Amino acid sequence: MDAESIAGLVGLAIGLLVLVALSVFESRTYRREHEGEGMMHHWLAAHHVFDRMRRRH
């Protein structure tokens, strides 16, 4: 591998680390502001996914 491909991979790794760190920070902030409800739970409830998943006997 040449220097350009190594630099590209390092840049990609740093970018992914920043993305994951921001996602974790945003998720914790959202949970703190919304009394413990997570983003995924809020989205699933708002789009009635839980209603469709409920088994009917």
PDB file of N, CA and C in Angstrom:
ATOM      1  N   MET A   1       0.841  -1.177   0.000  1.00  0.00           N
ATOM      2  CA  MET A   1       0.000   0.000   0.000  1.00  0.00           C
ATOM      3  C   MET A   1       0.886   1.240   0.000  1.00  0.00           C
ATOM      4  N   ASP A   2       0.403   2.216  -0.741  1.00  0.00           N
ATOM      5  CA  ASP A   2       1.155   3.468  -0.771  1.00  0.00           C
ATOM      6  C   ASP A   2       0.636   4.425   0.303  1.00  0.00           C
ATOM      7  N   ALA A   3       1.284   5.550   0.425  1.00  0.00           N
ATOM      8  CA  ALA A   3       0.976   6.501   1.500  1.00  0.00           C
ATOM      9  C   ALA A   3      -0.431   7.083   1.362  1.00  0.00           C
ATOM     10  N   GLU A   4      -0.891   7.264   0.120  1.00  0.00           N
ATOM     11  CA  GLU A   4      -2.217   7.848  -0.074  1.00  0.00           C
ATOM     12  C   GLU A   4      -3.326   6.915   0.402  1.00  0.00           C
ATOM     13  N   SER A   5      -3.201   5.621   0.147  1.00  0.00           N
ATOM     14  CA  SER A   5      -4.233   4.688   0.587  1.00  0.00           C
ATOM     15  C   SER A   5      -4.219   4.523   2.108  1.00  0.00           C
ATOM     16  N   ILE A   6      -3.033   4.567   2.699  1.00  0.00           N
ATOM     17  CA  ILE A   6      -2.948   4.497   4.164  1.00  0.00           C
ATOM     18  C   ILE A   6      -3.586   5.740   4.781  1.00  0.00           C
ATOM     19  N   ALA A   7      -3.306   6.905   4.220  1.00  0.00           N
ATOM     20  CA  ALA A   7      -3.903   8.142   4.722  1.00  0.00           C
ATOM     21  C   ALA A   7      -5.421   8.115   4.559  1.00  0.00           C
ATOM     22  N   GLY A   8      -5.895   7.558   3.475  1.00  0.00           N
ATOM     23  CA  GLY A   8      -7.336   7.440   3.260  1.00  0.00           C
ATOM     24  C   GLY A   8      -7.988   6.534   4.282  1.00  0.00           C
ATOM     25  N   LEU A   9      -7.353   5.411   4.585  1.00  0.00           N
ATOM     26  CA  LEU A   9      -7.897   4.498   5.581  1.00  0.00           C
ATOM     27  C   LEU A   9      -7.880   5.106   6.981  1.00  0.00           C
ATOM     28  N   VAL A  10      -6.820   5.850   7.288  1.00  0.00           N
ATOM     29  CA  VAL A  10      -6.746   6.518   8.587  1.00  0.00           C
ATOM     30  C   VAL A  10      -7.847   7.577   8.682  1.00  0.00           C
ATOM     31  N   GLY A  11      -8.042   8.330   7.624  1.00  0.00           N
ATOM     32  CA  GLY A  11      -9.112   9.332   7.608  1.00  0.00           C
ATOM     33  C   GLY A  11     -10.487   8.709   7.746  1.00  0.00           C
ATOM     34  N   LEU A  12     -10.704   7.581   7.084  1.00  0.00           N
ATOM     35  CA  LEU A  12     -11.970   6.864   7.198  1.00  0.00           C
ATOM     36  C   LEU A  12     -12.198   6.378   8.621  1.00  0.00           C
ATOM     37  N   ALA A  13     -11.162   5.835   9.245  1.00  0.00           N
ATOM     38  CA  ALA A  13     -11.280   5.344  10.618  1.00  0.00           C
ATOM     39  C   ALA A  13     -11.583   6.494  11.584  1.00  0.00           C
ATOM     40  N   ILE A  14     -10.928   7.607  11.415  1.00  0.00           N
ATOM     41  CA  ILE A  14     -11.184   8.767  12.285  1.00  0.00           C
ATOM     42  C   ILE A  14     -12.607   9.275  12.066  1.00  0.00           C
ATOM     43  N   GLY A  15     -13.044   9.335  10.841  1.00  0.00           N
ATOM     44  CA  GLY A  15     -14.403   9.783  10.544  1.00  0.00           C
ATOM     45  C   GLY A  15     -15.451   8.872  11.168  1.00  0.00           C
ATOM     46  N   LEU A  16     -15.239   7.564  11.091  1.00  0.00           N
ATOM     47  CA  LEU A  16     -16.181   6.627  11.703  1.00  0.00           C
ATOM     48  C   LEU A  16     -16.194   6.742  13.215  1.00  0.00           C
ATOM     49  N   LEU A  17     -15.025   6.936  13.828  1.00  0.00           N
ATOM     50  CA  LEU A  17     -14.962   7.126  15.277  1.00  0.00           C
ATOM     51  C   LEU A  17     -15.712   8.383  15.706  1.00  0.00           C
ATOM     52  N   VAL A  18     -15.560   9.452  14.963  1.00  0.00           N
ATOM     53  CA  VAL A  18     -16.277  10.696  15.278  1.00  0.00           C
ATOM     54  C   VAL A  18     -17.781  10.489  15.124  1.00  0.00           C
ATOM     55  N   LEU A  19     -18.201   9.791  14.082  1.00  0.00           N
ATOM     56  CA  LEU A  19     -19.620   9.516  13.864  1.00  0.00           C
ATOM     57  C   LEU A  19     -20.215   8.703  15.011  1.00  0.00           C
ATOM     58  N   VAL A  20     -19.513   7.680  15.447  1.00  0.00           N
ATOM     59  CA  VAL A  20     -19.997   6.850  16.556  1.00  0.00           C
ATOM     60  C   VAL A  20     -20.041   7.658  17.846  1.00  0.00           C
ATOM     61  N   ALA A  21     -19.019   8.450  18.103  1.00  0.00           N
ATOM     62  CA  ALA A  21     -18.991   9.263  19.327  1.00  0.00           C
ATOM     63  C   ALA A  21     -20.134  10.268  19.343  1.00  0.00           C
ATOM     64  N   LEU A  22     -20.392  10.925  18.229  1.00  0.00           N
ATOM     65  CA  LEU A  22     -21.501  11.875  18.172  1.00  0.00           C
ATOM     66  C   LEU A  22     -22.844  11.178  18.327  1.00  0.00           C
ATOM     67  N   SER A  23     -22.996   9.993  17.764  1.00  0.00           N
ATOM     68  CA  SER A  23     -24.247   9.248  17.898  1.00  0.00           C
ATOM     69  C   SER A  23     -24.506   8.856  19.348  1.00  0.00           C
ATOM     70  N   VAL A  24     -23.481   8.402  20.035  1.00  0.00           N
ATOM     71  CA  VAL A  24     -23.630   8.032  21.442  1.00  0.00           C
ATOM     72  C   VAL A  24     -23.966   9.260  22.278  1.00  0.00           C
ATOM     73  N   PHE A  25     -23.272  10.359  22.039  1.00  0.00           N
ATOM     74  CA  PHE A  25     -23.533  11.598  22.767  1.00  0.00           C
ATOM     75  C   PHE A  25     -24.962  12.081  22.529  1.00  0.00           C
ATOM     76  N   GLU A  26     -25.408  12.062  21.277  1.00  0.00           N
ATOM     77  CA  GLU A  26     -26.751  12.517  20.941  1.00  0.00           C
ATOM     78  C   GLU A  26     -27.813  11.616  21.559  1.00  0.00           C
ATOM     79  N   SER A  27     -27.570  10.312  21.558  1.00  0.00           N
ATOM     80  CA  SER A  27     -28.521   9.375  22.147  1.00  0.00           C
ATOM     81  C   SER A  27     -28.646   9.594  23.647  1.00  0.00           C
ATOM     82  N   ARG A  28     -27.527   9.789  24.328  1.00  0.00           N
ATOM     83  CA  ARG A  28     -27.570  10.033  25.775  1.00  0.00           C
ATOM     84  C   ARG A  28     -28.259  11.351  26.093  1.00  0.00           C
ATOM     85  N   THR A  29     -28.003  12.380  25.303  1.00  0.00           N
ATOM     86  CA  THR A  29     -28.648  13.664  25.515  1.00  0.00           C
ATOM     87  C   THR A  29     -30.149  13.555  25.303  1.00  0.00           C
ATOM     88  N   TYR A  30     -30.560  12.857  24.253  1.00  0.00           N
ATOM     89  CA  TYR A  30     -31.995  12.682  23.975  1.00  0.00           C
ATOM     90  C   TYR A  30     -32.669  11.932  25.113  1.00  0.00           C
ATOM     91  N   ARG A  31     -32.041  10.875  25.578  1.00  0.00           N
ATOM     92  CA  ARG A  31     -32.612  10.071  26.662  1.00  0.00           C
ATOM     93  C   ARG A  31     -32.740  10.905  27.940  1.00  0.00           C
ATOM     94  N   ARG A  32     -31.752  11.737  28.215  1.00  0.00           N
ATOM     95  CA  ARG A  32     -31.787  12.591  29.408  1.00  0.00           C
ATOM     96  C   ARG A  32     -32.916  13.612  29.313  1.00  0.00           C
ATOM     97  N   GLU A  33     -33.143  14.160  28.124  1.00  0.00           N
ATOM     98  CA  GLU A  33     -34.166  15.191  27.956  1.00  0.00           C
ATOM     99  C   GLU A  33     -35.582  14.634  27.849  1.00  0.00           C
ATOM    100  N   HIS A  34     -35.732  13.348  27.552  1.00  0.00           N
ATOM    101  CA  HIS A  34     -37.054  12.763  27.339  1.00  0.00           C
ATOM    102  C   HIS A  34     -37.385  11.686  28.366  1.00  0.00           C
ATOM    103  N   GLU A  35     -36.990  11.883  29.601  1.00  0.00           N
ATOM    104  CA  GLU A  35     -37.318  11.009  30.724  1.00  0.00           C
ATOM    105  C   GLU A  35     -36.996   9.545  30.465  1.00  0.00           C
ATOM    106  N   GLY A  36     -35.883   9.271  29.874  1.00  0.00           N
ATOM    107  CA  GLY A  36     -35.414   7.905  29.717  1.00  0.00           C
ATOM    108  C   GLY A  36     -35.889   7.187  28.462  1.00  0.00           C
ATOM    109  N   GLU A  37     -36.746   7.812  27.654  1.00  0.00           N
ATOM    110  CA  GLU A  37     -37.189   7.166  26.424  1.00  0.00           C
ATOM    111  C   GLU A  37     -36.119   7.331  25.354  1.00  0.00           C
ATOM    112  N   GLY A  38     -35.737   6.239  24.750  1.00  0.00           N
ATOM    113  CA  GLY A  38     -34.718   6.296  23.719  1.00  0.00           C
ATOM    114  C   GLY A  38     -35.273   6.751  22.381  1.00  0.00           C
ATOM    115  N   MET A  39     -34.367   7.138  21.482  1.00  0.00           N
ATOM    116  CA  MET A  39     -34.786   7.611  20.159  1.00  0.00           C
ATOM    117  C   MET A  39     -35.494   6.529  19.365  1.00  0.00           C
ATOM    118  N   MET A  40     -34.952   5.316  19.403  1.00  0.00           N
ATOM    119  CA  MET A  40     -35.570   4.227  18.636  1.00  0.00           C
ATOM    120  C   MET A  40     -36.959   3.902  19.173  1.00  0.00           C
ATOM    121  N   HIS A  41     -37.118   3.863  20.483  1.00  0.00           N
ATOM    122  CA  HIS A  41     -38.423   3.578  21.059  1.00  0.00           C
ATOM    123  C   HIS A  41     -39.421   4.663  20.675  1.00  0.00           C
ATOM    124  N   HIS A  42     -38.981   5.918  20.710  1.00  0.00           N
ATOM    125  CA  HIS A  42     -39.859   7.025  20.331  1.00  0.00           C
ATOM    126  C   HIS A  42     -40.282   6.900  18.868  1.00  0.00           C
ATOM    127  N   TRP A  43     -39.344   6.602  17.987  1.00  0.00           N
ATOM    128  CA  TRP A  43     -39.644   6.495  16.558  1.00  0.00           C
ATOM    129  C   TRP A  43     -40.581   5.327  16.291  1.00  0.00           C
ATOM    130  N   LEU A  44     -40.294   4.189  16.925  1.00  0.00           N
ATOM    131  CA  LEU A  44     -41.137   3.016  16.706  1.00  0.00           C
ATOM    132  C   LEU A  44     -42.549   3.244  17.234  1.00  0.00           C
ATOM    133  N   ALA A  45     -42.677   3.896  18.370  1.00  0.00           N
ATOM    134  CA  ALA A  45     -44.001   4.175  18.923  1.00  0.00           C
ATOM    135  C   ALA A  45     -44.743   5.198  18.063  1.00  0.00           C
ATOM    136  N   ALA A  46     -44.044   6.198  17.574  1.00  0.00           N
ATOM    137  CA  ALA A  46     -44.686   7.235  16.759  1.00  0.00           C
ATOM    138  C   ALA A  46     -45.188   6.684  15.432  1.00  0.00           C
ATOM    139  N   HIS A  47     -44.536   5.662  14.903  1.00  0.00           N
ATOM    140  CA  HIS A  47     -44.940   5.078  13.625  1.00  0.00           C
ATOM    141  C   HIS A  47     -45.773   3.811  13.805  1.00  0.00           C
ATOM    142  N   HIS A  48     -46.258   3.574  15.015  1.00  0.00           N
ATOM    143  CA  HIS A  48     -47.182   2.470  15.329  1.00  0.00           C
ATOM    144  C   HIS A  48     -46.612   1.099  14.992  1.00  0.00           C
ATOM    145  N   VAL A  49     -45.314   0.963  15.079  1.00  0.00           N
ATOM    146  CA  VAL A  49     -44.692  -0.328  14.793  1.00  0.00           C
ATOM    147  C   VAL A  49     -45.026  -1.326  15.893  1.00  0.00           C
ATOM    148  N   PHE A  50     -45.089  -0.845  17.147  1.00  0.00           N
ATOM    149  CA  PHE A  50     -45.396  -1.741  18.254  1.00  0.00           C
ATOM    150  C   PHE A  50     -46.809  -2.297  18.129  1.00  0.00           C
ATOM    151  N   ASP A  51     -47.736  -1.496  17.594  1.00  0.00           N
ATOM    152  CA  ASP A  51     -49.105  -1.971  17.409  1.00  0.00           C
ATOM    153  C   ASP A  51     -49.167  -3.120  16.398  1.00  0.00           C
ATOM    154  N   ARG A  52     -48.363  -3.003  15.353  1.00  0.00           N
ATOM    155  CA  ARG A  52     -48.365  -4.045  14.319  1.00  0.00           C
ATOM    156  C   ARG A  52     -47.654  -5.319  14.779  1.00  0.00           C
ATOM    157  N   MET A  53     -46.698  -5.148  15.704  1.00  0.00           N
ATOM    158  CA  MET A  53     -45.941  -6.306  16.173  1.00  0.00           C
ATOM    159  C   MET A  53     -46.680  -7.099  17.231  1.00  0.00           C
ATOM    160  N   ARG A  54     -47.657  -6.494  17.864  1.00  0.00           N
ATOM    161  CA  ARG A  54     -48.374  -7.158  18.940  1.00  0.00           C
ATOM    162  C   ARG A  54     -49.106  -8.383  18.394  1.00  0.00           C
ATOM    163  N   ARG A  55     -48.883  -9.506  19.037  1.00  0.00           N
ATOM    164  CA  ARG A  55     -49.513 -10.738  18.571  1.00  0.00           C
ATOM    165  C   ARG A  55     -50.960 -10.772  19.021  1.00  0.00           C
ATOM    166  N   ARG A  56     -51.805 -11.185  18.131  1.00  0.00           N
ATOM    167  CA  ARG A  56     -53.220 -11.302  18.439  1.00  0.00           C
ATOM    168  C   ARG A  56     -53.585 -12.770  18.511  1.00  0.00           C
ATOM    169  N   HIS A  57     -54.150 -13.160  19.622  1.00  0.00           N
ATOM    170  CA  HIS A  57     -54.485 -14.570  19.798  1.00  0.00           C
ATOM    171  C   HIS A  57     -55.924 -14.819  19.463  1.00  0.00           C
TER     172      HIS A  57
END
